Amino acid sequence: MPSIGPSSTNTLDVLLHQNPTIAANSCAMVATVTIPPGDPGTGPHRHSGPVFGYVLEGEILFEIEGDEPYPVKAGEAFWEPGFDVVHYQAANLRTDIASKFVVFMPCAPEVPMMTFLDEDEIAARAHLRHPAAVN
């Protein structure tokens, strides 16, 4: 495992490595999200920049536009590119406990951190969802 420095005994475990696009003059946000047991999570939306997340507790079903939905368990990381790519779901797969994750988001200036899609836009983009997506 890589070490933190030449005299350190700490280790650095890289969970995720991406080269995202980040808007100029972005601000950074770190937040926790708690999803109640069995909750479907936030509706279809997009972010003003990339999102990097780490599940602290529970298990979520994660779906971004074009990708097959997949489970992310406590101790695992996820990311989404943001901008025009729609985040369809981060549902709590656990019915017995809340799921919780932490996210880091470089947010574009003067743009809301999250923008929800209306029904017309969801319908217009339906062809971009993975065939295995839960509608």
C-alpha atoms as a PDB file:
ATOM      1  CA  MET A   1       0.000   0.000   0.000  1.00  0.00           C
ATOM      2  CA  PRO A   2       1.240   3.503  -0.670  1.00  0.00           C
ATOM      3  CA  SER A   3       2.483   5.406   2.346  1.00  0.00           C
ATOM      4  CA  ILE A   4       1.624   8.990   3.238  1.00  0.00           C
ATOM      5  CA  GLY A   5       5.239  10.098   3.524  1.00  0.00           C
ATOM      6  CA  PRO A   6       8.797   8.820   3.927  1.00  0.00           C
ATOM      7  CA  SER A   7       8.592   8.536   7.730  1.00  0.00           C
ATOM      8  CA  SER A   8       4.891   7.815   8.116  1.00  0.00           C
ATOM      9  CA  THR A   9       3.408   4.491   9.119  1.00  0.00           C
ATOM     10  CA  ASN A  10      -0.025   5.585   7.901  1.00  0.00           C
ATOM     11  CA  THR A  11      -1.305   4.096   4.672  1.00  0.00           C
ATOM     12  CA  LEU A  12      -3.301   5.675   1.905  1.00  0.00           C
ATOM     13  CA  ASP A  13      -5.941   3.469   0.286  1.00  0.00           C
ATOM     14  CA  VAL A  14      -7.136   5.060  -2.949  1.00  0.00           C
ATOM     15  CA  LEU A  15     -10.809   4.149  -3.306  1.00  0.00           C
ATOM     16  CA  LEU A  16     -11.538   6.090  -6.465  1.00  0.00           C
ATOM     17  CA  HIS A  17      -9.456   7.971  -9.025  1.00  0.00           C
ATOM     18  CA  GLN A  18     -11.039  10.097 -11.761  1.00  0.00           C
ATOM     19  CA  ASN A  19     -10.076  13.056 -13.935  1.00  0.00           C
ATOM     20  CA  PRO A  20     -13.289  15.103 -13.818  1.00  0.00           C
ATOM     21  CA  THR A  21     -14.153  18.355 -15.492  1.00  0.00           C
ATOM     22  CA  ILE A  22     -14.431  21.140 -12.915  1.00  0.00           C
ATOM     23  CA  ALA A  23     -15.911  24.548 -13.760  1.00  0.00           C
ATOM     24  CA  ALA A  24     -13.660  27.587 -13.308  1.00  0.00           C
ATOM     25  CA  ASN A  25     -14.107  29.430  -9.998  1.00  0.00           C
ATOM     26  CA  SER A  26     -15.973  26.499  -8.447  1.00  0.00           C
ATOM     27  CA  CYS A  27     -16.658  26.360  -4.747  1.00  0.00           C
ATOM     28  CA  ALA A  28     -16.321  23.102  -2.818  1.00  0.00           C
ATOM     29  CA  MET A  29     -18.975  21.450  -0.696  1.00  0.00           C
ATOM     30  CA  VAL A  30     -18.763  18.454   1.632  1.00  0.00           C
ATOM     31  CA  ALA A  31     -22.065  17.085   2.938  1.00  0.00           C
ATOM     32  CA  THR A  32     -23.613  13.972   4.427  1.00  0.00           C
ATOM     33  CA  VAL A  33     -26.804  12.472   3.019  1.00  0.00           C
ATOM     34  CA  THR A  34     -29.015  10.185   5.118  1.00  0.00           C
ATOM     35  CA  ILE A  35     -31.662   8.084   3.366  1.00  0.00           C
ATOM     36  CA  PRO A  36     -34.377   6.501   5.555  1.00  0.00           C
ATOM     37  CA  PRO A  37     -34.900   2.704   5.454  1.00  0.00           C
ATOM     38  CA  GLY A  38     -36.311   1.571   2.096  1.00  0.00           C
ATOM     39  CA  ASP A  39     -36.536   5.140   0.771  1.00  0.00           C
ATOM     40  CA  PRO A  40     -36.191   5.599  -3.029  1.00  0.00           C
ATOM     41  CA  GLY A  41     -34.000   8.682  -2.487  1.00  0.00           C
ATOM     42  CA  THR A  42     -34.009  11.970  -4.349  1.00  0.00           C
ATOM     43  CA  GLY A  43     -35.725  12.099  -7.748  1.00  0.00           C
ATOM     44  CA  PRO A  44     -33.892  12.555 -11.066  1.00  0.00           C
ATOM     45  CA  HIS A  45     -31.524  15.524 -10.909  1.00  0.00           C
ATOM     46  CA  ARG A  46     -28.176  16.846 -12.080  1.00  0.00           C
ATOM     47  CA  HIS A  47     -25.344  18.582 -10.261  1.00  0.00           C
ATOM     48  CA  SER A  48     -23.363  21.669 -11.296  1.00  0.00           C
ATOM     49  CA  GLY A  49     -20.118  19.695 -11.104  1.00  0.00           C
ATOM     50  CA  PRO A  50     -18.753  16.235 -10.338  1.00  0.00           C
ATOM     51  CA  VAL A  51     -19.713  14.389  -7.158  1.00  0.00           C
ATOM     52  CA  PHE A  52     -17.451  12.036  -5.215  1.00  0.00           C
ATOM     53  CA  GLY A  53     -19.074   9.931  -2.505  1.00  0.00           C
ATOM     54  CA  TYR A  54     -18.288   7.368   0.160  1.00  0.00           C
ATOM     55  CA  VAL A  55     -20.950   5.222   1.832  1.00  0.00           C
ATOM     56  CA  LEU A  56     -20.609   5.344   5.614  1.00  0.00           C
ATOM     57  CA  GLU A  57     -23.550   3.127   6.610  1.00  0.00           C
ATOM     58  CA  GLY A  58     -25.970   0.813   4.831  1.00  0.00           C
ATOM     59  CA  GLU A  59     -26.220   0.189   1.095  1.00  0.00           C
ATOM     60  CA  ILE A  60     -27.562   2.316  -1.753  1.00  0.00           C
ATOM     61  CA  LEU A  61     -28.643   1.596  -5.319  1.00  0.00           C
ATOM     62  CA  PHE A  62     -26.786   4.119  -7.466  1.00  0.00           C
ATOM     63  CA  GLU A  63     -27.817   5.038 -11.008  1.00  0.00           C
ATOM     64  CA  ILE A  64     -26.487   7.705 -13.324  1.00  0.00           C
ATOM     65  CA  GLU A  65     -27.566   8.197 -16.911  1.00  0.00           C
ATOM     66  CA  GLY A  66     -26.254   5.547 -19.291  1.00  0.00           C
ATOM     67  CA  ASP A  67     -24.917   3.219 -16.591  1.00  0.00           C
ATOM     68  CA  GLU A  68     -26.530   0.116 -15.168  1.00  0.00           C
ATOM     69  CA  PRO A  69     -27.766   0.708 -11.609  1.00  0.00           C
ATOM     70  CA  TYR A  70     -25.455  -0.904  -9.055  1.00  0.00           C
ATOM     71  CA  PRO A  71     -25.277  -1.326  -5.281  1.00  0.00           C
ATOM     72  CA  VAL A  72     -22.723   0.627  -3.235  1.00  0.00           C
ATOM     73  CA  LYS A  73     -22.132  -0.681   0.299  1.00  0.00           C
ATOM     74  CA  ALA A  74     -20.650   0.898   3.403  1.00  0.00           C
ATOM     75  CA  GLY A  75     -16.907   1.300   2.825  1.00  0.00           C
ATOM     76  CA  GLU A  76     -17.256   1.753  -0.950  1.00  0.00           C
ATOM     77  CA  ALA A  77     -16.905   4.894  -3.076  1.00  0.00           C
ATOM     78  CA  PHE A  78     -18.850   6.227  -6.061  1.00  0.00           C
ATOM     79  CA  TRP A  79     -18.698   9.218  -8.383  1.00  0.00           C
ATOM     80  CA  GLU A  80     -20.744  10.979 -11.006  1.00  0.00           C
ATOM     81  CA  PRO A  81     -19.501  13.441 -13.621  1.00  0.00           C
ATOM     82  CA  GLY A  82     -22.221  16.028 -12.973  1.00  0.00           C
ATOM     83  CA  PHE A  83     -23.131  18.801 -15.424  1.00  0.00           C
ATOM     84  CA  ASP A  84     -25.535  17.343 -18.039  1.00  0.00           C
ATOM     85  CA  VAL A  85     -25.387  13.723 -16.799  1.00  0.00           C
ATOM     86  CA  VAL A  86     -28.556  12.871 -14.873  1.00  0.00           C
ATOM     87  CA  HIS A  87     -28.410  11.152 -11.488  1.00  0.00           C
ATOM     88  CA  TYR A  88     -31.537   8.995 -11.401  1.00  0.00           C
ATOM     89  CA  GLN A  89     -31.331   7.286  -8.044  1.00  0.00           C
ATOM     90  CA  ALA A  90     -29.479   6.675  -4.818  1.00  0.00           C
ATOM     91  CA  ALA A  91     -32.113   4.519  -3.156  1.00  0.00           C
ATOM     92  CA  ASN A  92     -31.633   2.891   0.231  1.00  0.00           C
ATOM     93  CA  LEU A  93     -31.491  -0.851  -0.389  1.00  0.00           C
ATOM     94  CA  ARG A  94     -31.777  -1.535   3.338  1.00  0.00           C
ATOM     95  CA  THR A  95     -35.250  -1.666   4.878  1.00  0.00           C
ATOM     96  CA  ASP A  96     -33.980  -2.046   8.448  1.00  0.00           C
ATOM     97  CA  ILE A  97     -31.587   0.917   8.774  1.00  0.00           C
ATOM     98  CA  ALA A  98     -30.916   4.310   7.247  1.00  0.00           C
ATOM     99  CA  SER A  99     -28.091   4.509   4.719  1.00  0.00           C
ATOM    100  CA  LYS A 100     -25.647   7.393   4.991  1.00  0.00           C
ATOM    101  CA  PHE A 101     -22.970   8.708   2.665  1.00  0.00           C
ATOM    102  CA  VAL A 102     -20.643  11.673   2.503  1.00  0.00           C
ATOM    103  CA  VAL A 103     -20.102  13.618  -0.724  1.00  0.00           C
ATOM    104  CA  PHE A 104     -17.529  16.110  -1.964  1.00  0.00           C
ATOM    105  CA  MET A 105     -18.773  18.393  -4.745  1.00  0.00           C
ATOM    106  CA  PRO A 106     -16.950  21.130  -6.647  1.00  0.00           C
ATOM    107  CA  CYS A 107     -19.970  23.299  -7.526  1.00  0.00           C
ATOM    108  CA  ALA A 108     -20.060  25.706 -10.462  1.00  0.00           C
ATOM    109  CA  PRO A 109     -20.420  29.339  -9.399  1.00  0.00           C
ATOM    110  CA  GLU A 110     -23.882  30.930  -9.524  1.00  0.00           C
ATOM    111  CA  VAL A 111     -25.488  27.568 -10.394  1.00  0.00           C
ATOM    112  CA  PRO A 112     -27.625  25.574  -7.944  1.00  0.00           C
ATOM    113  CA  MET A 113     -25.824  22.540  -6.528  1.00  0.00           C
ATOM    114  CA  MET A 114     -28.769  20.357  -7.597  1.00  0.00           C
ATOM    115  CA  THR A 115     -31.391  20.863 -10.320  1.00  0.00           C
ATOM    116  CA  PHE A 116     -34.394  18.536 -10.599  1.00  0.00           C
ATOM    117  CA  LEU A 117     -35.781  17.305 -13.918  1.00  0.00           C
ATOM    118  CA  ASP A 118     -39.441  17.807 -14.775  1.00  0.00           C
ATOM    119  CA  GLU A 119     -41.578  15.006 -16.226  1.00  0.00           C
ATOM    120  CA  ASP A 120     -41.102  16.232 -19.817  1.00  0.00           C
ATOM    121  CA  GLU A 121     -37.304  16.169 -19.533  1.00  0.00           C
ATOM    122  CA  ILE A 122     -37.360  12.740 -17.881  1.00  0.00           C
ATOM    123  CA  ALA A 123     -39.457  11.439 -20.801  1.00  0.00           C
ATOM    124  CA  ALA A 124     -37.227  13.116 -23.404  1.00  0.00           C
ATOM    125  CA  ARG A 125     -34.107  11.508 -21.905  1.00  0.00           C
ATOM    126  CA  ALA A 126     -35.598   8.036 -21.333  1.00  0.00           C
ATOM    127  CA  HIS A 127     -33.606   6.598 -24.255  1.00  0.00           C
ATOM    128  CA  LEU A 128     -30.359   7.525 -22.448  1.00  0.00           C
ATOM    129  CA  ARG A 129     -31.065   5.304 -19.433  1.00  0.00           C
ATOM    130  CA  HIS A 130     -29.537   1.852 -19.209  1.00  0.00           C
ATOM    131  CA  PRO A 131     -32.017  -0.931 -20.146  1.00  0.00           C
ATOM    132  CA  ALA A 132     -31.611  -2.465 -16.673  1.00  0.00           C
ATOM    133  CA  ALA A 133     -32.708   0.772 -14.973  1.00  0.00           C
ATOM    134  CA  VAL A 134     -35.640   0.588 -12.592  1.00  0.00           C
ATOM    135  CA  ASN A 135     -38.278   3.071 -13.747  1.00  0.00           C
END
